[in-house]
Amino acid sequence: MQPQLASFFDPGTATISHVVYDQPGGHAAIIDPVLDYDAKSGRIAHGSAGRVLDFIRQQHLSLQWILETHAHADHLSAAAWLQQQAGGRMAIGEGITQVQQLFKGVFNLGEDFTCDGSQFDHLFADGEVFHIGQLTARAVFVPGHTPADMAYQIGDMVFVGDTLFMPDVGSARCDFPGGDAAMLYQSVQKLLTLPDDTRLLMCHDYPPQPRPIAWQSTVAEQKQHNIHLHAGISQSEFVALRQARDATLDMPQLILPAIQVNIRAGQLPAAENNGVRYLKIPLDML
């Protein structure tokens, strides 16, 4: 059975959330859902995730998985909210424990925050096989952007998270805590050994003008045209290119609110004694 796909672009964060399902009325997985967050007011909303949820309901799908490719720095995850609305198991790669350890100190989360990944329902090992209804899927460990990135291979599609972008955009930054450009290079080489017609599904797009938003390429297109990781570029050349580019980049606008929510599987901090929830903004840490 070939997987069915519906993709949803969130313009506020340039994120593409994907729904993969076996058939109408069957089972589905949501990959990288977005929780709306207004940085000016601190308000949470569910417009982006609500569109995904509406599709699930319209197709009469049973939500089996909510999959995160990594702990995102550019948007807050809607995984916990979607689970409350439609069920499913929240899952991420087992390397999330390392990311939790890295950021527990940054946010001074205290002894009650455990770094064992237990905030998620399942932690995938590299190469682990799982099922979405009648579909067979495989988790593929692709560290580099963070130490915990996981891609998901489902049929002839691979959902690559932030490992790769469209060929004219290139690759993900590697200067976050735990990031490693050499490791990213090796992860991409793993993806590029797949058959040339394998479809690669992006998590973000930042298109050069005037190209419209896009989120699907192939292994062949990446090997031929990726401006950072085309066939023939050496690891040392890529690392030098990536490090030089990363040195020019500002931190993502939402990294501080996003990370502290996303290492909790999209769960918001508990309300304090006045009934209000708070996110922390550490000063001079990043």
Protein backbone atom coordinates (compact mmCIF):
# COMPACT_ATOMS: atom_id res chain seq x y z
CA MET A 1 0.00 0.00 0.00
CA GLN A 2 1.33 3.43 -0.97
CA PRO A 3 1.10 6.15 1.68
CA GLN A 4 -1.31 9.04 1.20
CA LEU A 5 -0.02 12.54 2.00
CA ALA A 6 -1.46 15.92 2.91
CA SER A 7 0.84 18.83 3.78
CA PHE A 8 0.07 22.11 5.57
CA PHE A 9 2.24 25.23 5.38
CA ASP A 10 2.38 27.58 8.36
CA PRO A 11 3.46 31.01 7.04
CA GLY A 12 4.32 32.43 10.44
CA THR A 13 7.14 29.92 10.99
CA ALA A 14 7.70 28.67 7.41
CA THR A 15 6.97 25.17 8.72
CA ILE A 16 5.34 22.35 6.78
CA SER A 17 3.38 19.83 8.85
CA HIS A 18 2.58 16.56 7.14
CA VAL A 19 -0.21 14.01 7.54
CA VAL A 20 0.63 10.52 6.28
CA TYR A 21 -2.15 7.95 6.19
CA ASP A 22 -2.89 4.55 4.70
CA GLN A 23 -6.37 5.25 3.34
CA PRO A 24 -9.44 7.39 4.04
CA GLY A 25 -11.05 6.02 7.16
CA GLY A 26 -7.77 4.38 8.12
CA HIS A 27 -4.82 5.36 10.30
CA ALA A 28 -2.59 8.44 10.24
CA ALA A 29 0.57 10.04 11.57
CA ILE A 30 1.12 13.78 11.92
CA ILE A 31 4.70 14.96 11.49
CA ASP A 32 5.97 18.23 13.04
CA PRO A 33 2.72 20.04 14.00
CA VAL A 34 2.84 23.75 14.86
CA LEU A 35 1.34 25.51 17.90
CA ASP A 36 0.60 29.17 17.14
CA TYR A 37 2.52 31.49 19.46
CA ASP A 38 2.48 35.28 19.30
CA ALA A 39 5.82 36.47 20.64
CA LYS A 40 4.53 40.01 21.22
CA SER A 41 1.63 39.06 23.47
CA GLY A 42 2.61 35.57 24.64
CA ARG A 43 -0.72 34.23 23.40
CA ILE A 44 -1.21 30.63 22.29
CA ALA A 45 -3.62 29.62 19.52
CA HIS A 46 -4.41 26.52 17.47
CA GLY A 47 -5.03 27.76 13.94
CA SER A 48 -2.25 25.78 12.25
CA ALA A 49 -2.81 22.58 14.23
CA GLY A 50 -6.56 23.04 13.86
CA ARG A 51 -6.30 22.82 10.07
CA VAL A 52 -4.45 19.53 10.43
CA LEU A 53 -7.02 18.27 12.92
CA ASP A 54 -9.87 19.24 10.58
CA PHE A 55 -8.28 17.16 7.81
CA ILE A 56 -7.92 14.16 10.12
CA ARG A 57 -11.61 14.40 10.99
CA GLN A 58 -12.77 15.01 7.42
CA GLN A 59 -10.96 11.87 6.27
CA HIS A 60 -12.26 9.90 9.26
CA LEU A 61 -8.72 8.96 10.24
CA SER A 62 -7.62 7.38 13.49
CA LEU A 63 -4.55 9.29 14.69
CA GLN A 64 -1.93 6.70 15.60
CA TRP A 65 1.27 8.75 15.84
CA ILE A 66 2.38 12.35 16.36
CA LEU A 67 5.98 12.34 15.18
CA GLU A 68 8.62 14.97 15.89
CA THR A 69 11.76 15.02 13.76
CA HIS A 70 13.59 16.90 16.56
CA ALA A 71 13.11 19.52 19.28
CA HIS A 72 12.49 22.49 17.01
CA ALA A 73 13.95 25.94 17.65
CA ASP A 74 11.69 27.87 15.27
CA HIS A 75 8.20 26.86 16.36
CA LEU A 76 6.37 25.43 19.34
CA SER A 77 5.04 21.90 18.92
CA ALA A 78 1.30 21.27 18.93
CA ALA A 79 1.81 17.56 19.72
CA ALA A 80 0.34 17.66 23.20
CA TRP A 81 -2.73 19.64 22.10
CA LEU A 82 -3.37 17.33 19.15
CA GLN A 83 -3.09 14.29 21.40
CA GLN A 84 -5.72 15.81 23.70
CA GLN A 85 -8.01 16.34 20.71
CA ALA A 86 -7.48 13.13 18.74
CA GLY A 87 -5.29 10.67 20.64
CA GLY A 88 -2.18 9.06 19.19
CA ARG A 89 1.27 8.46 20.61
CA MET A 90 3.81 11.29 20.73
CA ALA A 91 7.23 10.09 19.56
CA ILE A 92 10.71 11.40 18.83
CA GLY A 93 14.22 9.98 18.47
CA GLU A 94 15.89 8.61 21.60
CA GLY A 95 18.57 11.31 21.32
CA ILE A 96 16.07 13.76 22.81
CA THR A 97 17.49 12.85 26.21
CA GLN A 98 20.78 14.52 25.25
CA VAL A 99 18.95 17.67 24.13
CA GLN A 100 17.01 17.71 27.39
CA GLN A 101 20.25 17.48 29.33
CA LEU A 102 21.77 20.33 27.30
CA PHE A 103 18.86 22.68 27.92
CA LYS A 104 17.83 21.72 31.45
CA GLY A 105 20.61 23.93 32.76
CA VAL A 106 19.90 26.74 30.29
CA PHE A 107 16.34 27.03 31.61
CA ASN A 108 17.14 25.95 35.19
CA LEU A 109 14.25 23.49 35.04
CA GLY A 110 14.84 21.94 38.44
CA GLU A 111 14.87 18.40 39.76
CA ASP A 112 11.27 17.69 38.75
CA PHE A 113 12.24 17.87 35.06
CA THR A 114 13.56 14.45 34.04
CA CYS A 115 15.96 14.01 31.12
CA ASP A 116 14.84 10.51 30.21
CA GLY A 117 12.42 11.35 27.40
CA SER A 118 9.44 10.23 29.49
CA GLN A 119 7.49 13.31 28.40
CA PHE A 120 7.02 11.44 25.09
CA ASP A 121 5.11 8.19 24.67
CA HIS A 122 7.83 6.54 22.58
CA LEU A 123 11.50 7.11 21.75
CA PHE A 124 12.68 5.68 18.42
CA ALA A 125 16.00 3.91 17.99
CA ASP A 126 17.90 4.20 14.72
CA GLY A 127 16.43 1.79 12.16
CA GLU A 128 13.37 0.98 14.26
CA VAL A 129 10.41 -0.21 12.22
CA PHE A 130 6.87 0.82 13.16
CA HIS A 131 3.45 0.89 11.51
CA ILE A 132 0.85 3.49 10.58
CA GLY A 133 -2.18 1.31 10.01
CA GLN A 134 -1.21 -0.84 7.04
CA LEU A 135 1.88 1.24 6.26
CA THR A 136 5.38 0.21 7.32
CA ALA A 137 7.67 3.04 8.47
CA ARG A 138 11.28 3.25 9.59
CA ALA A 139 13.05 5.75 11.84
CA VAL A 140 16.42 6.96 10.50
CA PHE A 141 18.87 8.72 12.83
CA VAL A 142 20.21 11.87 11.10
CA PRO A 143 22.05 13.98 13.71
CA GLY A 144 23.96 17.17 12.98
CA HIS A 145 21.45 20.00 13.11
CA THR A 146 20.86 18.74 16.65
CA PRO A 147 22.15 15.54 18.27
CA ALA A 148 18.65 14.05 18.19
CA ASP A 149 17.30 14.50 14.64
CA MET A 150 15.25 11.62 13.25
CA ALA A 151 13.92 11.20 9.71
CA TYR A 152 10.96 8.95 8.94
CA GLN A 153 10.94 6.72 5.86
CA ILE A 154 7.43 5.74 4.80
CA GLY A 155 7.01 4.04 1.42
CA ASP A 156 8.94 6.02 -1.19
CA MET A 157 8.98 9.16 1.01
CA VAL A 158 11.42 10.32 3.68
CA PHE A 159 10.45 13.15 6.03
CA VAL A 160 13.82 14.76 6.66
CA GLY A 161 12.99 17.43 9.25
CA ASP A 162 15.63 20.17 9.23
CA THR A 163 18.41 17.94 7.89
CA LEU A 164 17.93 19.14 4.31
CA PHE A 165 16.06 22.00 2.67
CA MET A 166 15.03 22.46 -0.94
CA PRO A 167 18.12 22.33 -3.21
CA ASP A 168 18.26 26.11 -3.70
CA VAL A 169 18.22 26.67 0.08
CA GLY A 170 20.68 23.95 1.10
CA SER A 171 21.10 22.57 4.59
CA ALA A 172 20.29 23.18 8.23
CA ARG A 173 22.44 25.21 10.58
CA CYS A 174 24.65 23.30 13.00
CA ASP A 175 25.57 25.92 15.61
CA PHE A 176 22.94 25.11 18.23
CA PRO A 177 24.14 23.31 21.40
CA GLY A 178 25.04 19.77 20.38
CA GLY A 179 25.06 20.56 16.66
CA ASP A 180 27.86 19.21 14.45
CA ALA A 181 28.43 20.03 10.77
CA ALA A 182 30.54 16.93 10.11
CA MET A 183 27.80 14.78 11.59
CA LEU A 184 25.20 16.50 9.40
CA TYR A 185 27.30 15.78 6.33
CA GLN A 186 27.40 12.08 7.22
CA SER A 187 23.65 12.02 7.90
CA VAL A 188 22.89 13.53 4.50
CA GLN A 189 25.16 11.02 2.77
CA LYS A 190 23.04 8.29 4.36
CA LEU A 191 19.91 9.84 2.84
CA LEU A 192 21.52 10.32 -0.56
CA THR A 193 22.31 6.60 -0.87
CA LEU A 194 18.58 5.94 -1.22
CA PRO A 195 17.18 5.38 -4.74
CA ASP A 196 17.26 8.53 -6.88
CA ASP A 197 13.48 8.73 -7.15
CA THR A 198 12.96 8.66 -3.38
CA ARG A 199 10.84 11.66 -2.41
CA LEU A 200 12.27 13.89 0.33
CA LEU A 201 9.75 15.95 2.32
CA MET A 202 10.99 19.12 3.99
CA CYS A 203 9.95 20.62 7.31
CA HIS A 204 10.68 24.23 6.25
CA ASP A 205 11.09 26.33 3.15
CA TYR A 206 12.70 29.76 2.82
CA PRO A 207 12.48 30.23 -0.95
CA PRO A 208 14.63 32.69 -2.85
CA GLN A 209 12.39 35.07 -4.74
CA PRO A 210 10.41 34.60 -6.90
CA ARG A 211 10.11 30.83 -6.33
CA PRO A 212 6.88 29.81 -4.59
CA ILE A 213 6.88 27.74 -1.41
CA ALA A 214 7.88 24.11 -2.00
CA TRP A 215 8.57 21.14 0.24
CA GLN A 216 9.23 18.11 -1.92
CA SER A 217 12.34 17.10 -3.86
CA THR A 218 14.06 13.84 -4.76
CA VAL A 219 17.37 12.26 -3.92
CA ALA A 220 18.47 12.85 -7.52
CA GLU A 221 17.58 16.55 -7.35
CA GLN A 222 19.45 16.99 -4.10
CA LYS A 223 22.57 15.27 -5.42
CA GLN A 224 22.54 17.39 -8.55
CA HIS A 225 21.49 20.79 -7.28
CA ASN A 226 21.77 21.21 -3.50
CA ILE A 227 23.84 24.37 -3.03
CA HIS A 228 25.53 22.98 0.10
CA LEU A 229 25.51 19.20 -0.26
CA HIS A 230 25.58 18.37 -3.97
CA ALA A 231 27.43 15.29 -5.14
CA GLY A 232 31.18 15.77 -5.04
CA ILE A 233 31.48 18.16 -2.12
CA SER A 234 33.79 16.79 0.55
CA GLN A 235 33.08 16.71 4.26
CA SER A 236 35.79 19.27 4.99
CA GLU A 237 34.46 21.62 2.29
CA PHE A 238 30.94 21.35 3.66
CA VAL A 239 32.02 21.88 7.27
CA ALA A 240 33.93 25.04 6.30
CA LEU A 241 30.96 26.34 4.30
CA ARG A 242 28.44 25.51 7.01
CA GLN A 243 30.49 27.02 9.83
CA ALA A 244 31.12 30.22 7.89
CA ARG A 245 27.43 30.58 7.14
CA ASP A 246 26.34 29.77 10.69
CA ALA A 247 28.58 32.53 12.02
CA THR A 248 26.44 35.08 10.16
CA LEU A 249 23.04 33.85 11.39
CA ASP A 250 20.96 35.33 14.18
CA MET A 251 19.25 33.04 16.66
CA PRO A 252 15.74 32.02 15.55
CA GLN A 253 13.10 34.39 16.87
CA LEU A 254 11.29 31.69 18.85
CA ILE A 255 14.20 29.54 20.05
CA LEU A 256 13.78 30.36 23.75
CA PRO A 257 10.05 29.71 24.05
CA ALA A 258 10.17 26.85 21.54
CA ILE A 259 12.92 24.71 23.05
CA GLN A 260 11.56 24.74 26.60
CA VAL A 261 8.15 23.63 25.29
CA ASN A 262 9.41 21.14 22.72
CA ILE A 263 11.68 19.20 25.09
CA ARG A 264 8.44 18.65 27.06
CA ALA A 265 6.72 17.11 23.99
CA GLY A 266 4.75 20.29 23.39
CA GLN A 267 3.38 20.45 26.91
CA LEU A 268 3.16 23.97 28.30
CA PRO A 269 4.58 24.74 31.75
CA ALA A 270 2.20 24.20 34.64
CA ALA A 271 0.31 27.23 35.91
CA GLU A 272 1.77 28.95 38.96
CA ASN A 273 -0.21 29.78 42.10
CA ASN A 274 -1.87 32.74 40.37
CA GLY A 275 -3.23 30.48 37.60
CA VAL A 276 -0.85 31.85 34.95
CA ARG A 277 1.68 29.83 32.96
CA TYR A 278 5.12 31.33 32.36
CA LEU A 279 7.95 30.74 29.90
CA LYS A 280 11.48 31.61 30.97
CA ILE A 281 13.79 33.92 29.03
CA PRO A 282 17.38 33.31 30.18
CA LEU A 283 19.59 36.33 29.63
CA ASP A 284 23.05 36.15 27.99
CA MET A 285 22.96 32.35 27.62
CA LEU A 286 22.82 31.82 23.84
